[in-house]
Amino acid sequence: MRTTTVIIGAGQAGLAMSWWLAERSIDHVVLERGEVANSWRTERWDSLRLLTPNWQSRLPGHRYQGDDPDGFRTMPETIAFIERYATSIGAPVRAGTTVTSVRHIADGYEVVTSQGTWQCNTVVLATGACNIPHLPAVAKAVPPGIDTLTPIQYRNPQQLAEGGVLVVGASASGTQIADELQRSGRSVTLAVGEHVRVPRTYRGRDIQWWMDASGVLDQPYDEVDDIVRARNVASLQLAGYPDRRMIDLNSLTAIGVKLVGRLAGINDGKAQFSGSLRNVCALADLKMHRLLDTIDAWVATQGGDLAIEPPRRYDPTSIEASPPLLLDFARRSVKTIIWATGFRPDFSWLDVPVVDAKGNVRHDGGVVTESPGLYVMGMPYLRRRNSTLIDGVGDDARDLSAHLAAYLGNRRQTTRAAAHAVGV
């Protein structure tokens, strides 16, 4: 089988690229190991909602059409939204097609799948950044008798064995799971590392509205001082709760969650924690207020046309005088550890030497310069700050599809010139 472009992955990133390729009259196929929106179907917990408001799900040629633009979709609603998108744009999706190899051939790439082999000129890797949970080395030291789960495996509190829970990681997943478990009656300890604290609403509007309107989300990757660090920043402490409440360490402490520092080790049935909790939280507070300063400065340039509340600042994260440095699993009856410690992509099937030691494809704004004709989508800060959001993939797809079209045009010119030179 042959086509011009193979897109691997039928989530929002792959579908957005499909829309733009169709606009540019580039023939292509979208290969998906499961069904459309497969990760949303199979790797999310029951109560999870999108962290972004409904209005912010803007895909190429498709917008939110409901009567609750400021609400937050459940997972079934998110799946249905992406399914409708795939149908409305007529995306050429081949579901149930697992890619087992992508490699160079003389005139492009060969993509081997469970349903046959494709030859193509270009390939777009749109499988996302959250395929494999990242587990720290200390996970190997968990004593027998304690269950371990990742956010991909977690579904609800009833799934867990009776007893206390240690949640490791305080970004979006860790804080939401800790909140749900504590409210279900569990005793929860949260091991806190680097995190990004933000309010759900600010001056009467959603924080995502402010970041969108002020241009924070559109900041280009090539204007960032340290793009490697930017691409590894933890996700925002946000939740799409219907009551729009703020979730941060203070809100968790208020319902009884016990805060400890970063998990540093496990020895003799005891967890050992770093003593840096206070400093980590102070840094998160500082960064939050810098963001609010940026928003306030932008508001000041708008000439008073916004009907909004006055500025405010939030209380510092409250940390007890001497946070515990040890947790005895047996004494605290801890029966489960949830590793909310991030994810990494899975490119084990990519037989092109462009993957670094951490499993990431080396790229320049989504263009894999070491392997012309190869592109990547859906990665953190790919081309903009919002590259991993449903709302951000459309602009990335527009830019990369333009590069891809130019690459194909240059190939055709080169081929014609070569043919002319030999008198064909």
Foldseek 3Di string as FASTA:
>chain_A
DEFAEEEEAQELLSLLLLLQCVVVVGTYAYEEQADHVVCLVQFAAQAAWDLAFQQLLDGVVDGDDDDGRRATGGSVRNSVRSVVSCVVSVHRYDHNKAWQAWDDDDQDIWTQIPVGIYDHHFYEYEHAFFDFFDDDPQVVVADPQAAEAENRRHHALVVFDPFAEEEAEQEQSSQVRLVRNLVVPHAYEYAYDAYAEAAQDFQHGGPVVLCVVLCVFFDWLVVDPDSVVQLVHGHYNGGRDRVSGGTDLQVSVVSRHAYFYHFDHADPQKTFHDPCVVVSQVVNLVVRVVSLVSSVVSVVVPPPPDPGHDGDGDDGNDDDPGRDGMDRCVVRVRRYYYYHPGRGDDPVRYPDPQADPRGDGDAQLQQNVVRHNYGYAQGQSSTGNCRNPSSNSNVSSNVVSVVNVVSVVVVVVVVVVVCVVVPD
